[in-house]
Amino acid sequence: QVRLVESGGGLVQAGGSLRLSCAASRRTYSSFGMGWFRQAPGKEREFVAAINSRSGNIYYADSVKGRFTISRVNVKNSVYLQMNSLKPEDTAVYYCAADSSLRVGVGERPDEYDYWGQGTQVTVSS
């Protein structure tokens, strides 16, 4: 079992920045693919960014490319999401997720992830 705990959400004005953190409870997390998803009220959970566990390749949703950066520090069992140039449409609950499948590439669907954090609210005011 892997427990994921997100932190770093909050209220920010449009154009501002936030850094989300996700801490994993288990050292073997370093072999897992890690992803960030978000869910706005009344909408489905959507892919934001992910990092492959073996290649280190990184993938982003088109809507966040050039503004968000995902990174991981395995010795800290942590993954981060740096969010810059935030827009009101980025408002959502952000979730960290872990994929234990050792897939090639990364998962971009929620059902491709085995473990989820509780989420952290990000609100961007206009």
Protein backbone atom coordinates (compact mmCIF):
# COMPACT_ATOMS: atom_id res chain seq x y z
CA GLN A 1 0.00 0.00 0.00
CA VAL A 2 1.22 3.50 -0.85
CA ARG A 3 -0.20 6.55 0.87
CA LEU A 4 0.05 9.87 -0.94
CA VAL A 5 -0.36 13.23 0.76
CA GLU A 6 -0.61 16.45 -1.22
CA SER A 7 0.08 19.94 0.07
CA GLY A 8 0.65 23.44 -1.27
CA GLY A 9 -2.75 24.39 -2.61
CA GLY A 10 -4.37 27.72 -1.90
CA LEU A 11 -5.82 30.91 -3.29
CA VAL A 12 -3.78 32.91 -5.79
CA GLN A 13 -4.46 35.71 -8.24
CA ALA A 14 -4.33 35.12 -11.97
CA GLY A 15 -0.73 35.22 -13.18
CA GLY A 16 0.57 33.97 -9.85
CA SER A 17 2.35 30.75 -8.94
CA LEU A 18 1.90 27.81 -6.60
CA ARG A 19 3.99 24.73 -5.91
CA LEU A 20 2.20 21.52 -5.04
CA SER A 21 3.98 18.72 -3.21
CA CYS A 22 3.10 15.05 -2.93
CA ALA A 23 4.79 12.85 -0.35
CA ALA A 24 4.64 9.06 -0.69
CA SER A 25 4.71 6.72 2.27
CA ARG A 26 6.85 4.02 0.75
CA ARG A 27 10.41 4.06 -0.54
CA THR A 28 9.59 1.72 -3.42
CA TYR A 29 7.53 4.56 -4.81
CA SER A 30 10.65 5.43 -6.83
CA SER A 31 9.73 2.65 -9.27
CA PHE A 32 6.21 4.03 -9.78
CA GLY A 33 5.07 6.41 -12.45
CA MET A 34 3.71 9.57 -10.84
CA GLY A 35 1.02 11.85 -12.13
CA TRP A 36 -1.01 14.92 -11.31
CA PHE A 37 -4.68 15.20 -12.16
CA ARG A 38 -7.27 17.85 -11.42
CA GLN A 39 -11.02 18.00 -11.11
CA ALA A 40 -13.13 21.13 -11.30
CA PRO A 41 -16.73 21.22 -10.01
CA GLY A 42 -19.07 19.44 -12.37
CA LYS A 43 -16.24 18.17 -14.57
CA GLU A 44 -14.43 14.88 -14.95
CA ARG A 45 -11.01 14.33 -13.48
CA GLU A 46 -8.42 15.32 -16.09
CA PHE A 47 -4.77 14.61 -16.69
CA VAL A 48 -2.31 17.42 -15.94
CA ALA A 49 1.21 15.97 -15.97
CA ALA A 50 3.12 12.75 -15.35
CA ILE A 51 6.66 11.46 -15.08
CA ASN A 52 7.80 7.97 -16.06
CA SER A 53 9.58 6.06 -13.30
CA ARG A 54 12.35 4.53 -15.42
CA SER A 55 12.99 6.85 -18.35
CA GLY A 56 12.22 10.06 -16.49
CA ASN A 57 10.23 11.19 -19.52
CA ILE A 58 7.67 13.84 -18.74
CA TYR A 59 4.29 14.48 -20.31
CA TYR A 60 1.91 17.42 -19.97
CA ALA A 61 -1.63 18.21 -20.95
CA ASP A 62 -1.71 20.80 -23.72
CA SER A 63 -3.56 23.20 -21.45
CA VAL A 64 -0.61 23.45 -19.02
CA LYS A 65 2.42 23.09 -21.30
CA GLY A 66 4.91 25.89 -20.80
CA ARG A 67 3.30 26.90 -17.48
CA PHE A 68 3.51 23.83 -15.24
CA THR A 69 6.55 21.72 -14.38
CA ILE A 70 6.49 18.27 -12.79
CA SER A 71 9.53 16.94 -10.96
CA ARG A 72 10.41 14.22 -8.49
CA VAL A 73 13.01 13.72 -5.78
CA ASN A 74 13.17 10.00 -5.08
CA VAL A 75 15.30 10.27 -1.94
CA LYS A 76 12.49 12.33 -0.46
CA ASN A 77 9.75 10.07 -1.84
CA SER A 78 8.23 13.21 -3.29
CA VAL A 79 6.88 14.63 -6.52
CA TYR A 80 6.16 18.29 -7.20
CA LEU A 81 4.07 20.41 -9.53
CA GLN A 82 5.29 23.95 -10.06
CA MET A 83 2.45 26.01 -11.50
CA ASN A 84 3.22 29.40 -13.02
CA SER A 85 1.09 31.92 -14.92
CA LEU A 86 -2.01 30.51 -13.30
CA LYS A 87 -5.38 31.16 -14.89
CA PRO A 88 -8.88 31.08 -13.40
CA GLU A 89 -9.56 27.96 -15.48
CA ASP A 90 -6.82 26.17 -13.50
CA THR A 91 -9.11 26.27 -10.47
CA ALA A 92 -9.71 22.69 -9.32
CA VAL A 93 -8.86 20.07 -6.73
CA TYR A 94 -5.46 18.70 -7.66
CA TYR A 95 -4.65 15.05 -7.03
CA CYS A 96 -1.37 13.19 -6.94
CA ALA A 97 -1.44 9.61 -8.22
CA ALA A 98 0.92 6.64 -8.44
CA ASP A 99 1.06 3.99 -11.15
CA SER A 100 2.73 0.69 -10.18
CA SER A 101 2.45 -0.95 -13.61
CA LEU A 102 5.97 -0.07 -14.91
CA ARG A 103 4.35 0.85 -18.22
CA VAL A 104 6.27 2.34 -21.11
CA GLY A 105 5.37 5.98 -21.24
CA VAL A 106 2.84 7.30 -18.72
CA GLY A 107 -0.81 6.88 -18.02
CA GLU A 108 -3.09 9.74 -18.93
CA ARG A 109 -6.32 8.22 -17.66
CA PRO A 110 -7.32 8.06 -13.98
CA ASP A 111 -7.97 4.31 -14.23
CA GLU A 112 -4.31 3.74 -15.05
CA TYR A 113 -3.29 4.77 -11.54
CA ASP A 114 -3.45 2.58 -8.45
CA TYR A 115 -3.02 5.04 -5.60
CA TRP A 116 -4.42 8.51 -5.01
CA GLY A 117 -3.95 11.33 -2.57
CA GLN A 118 -6.81 13.16 -0.92
CA GLY A 119 -6.43 16.23 -3.12
CA THR A 120 -5.56 19.86 -2.51
CA GLN A 121 -7.67 22.83 -3.59
CA VAL A 122 -6.22 25.39 -5.98
CA THR A 123 -8.28 28.52 -6.56
CA VAL A 124 -7.20 31.18 -9.04
CA SER A 125 -9.03 34.48 -8.85
CA SER A 126 -9.39 36.79 -11.83
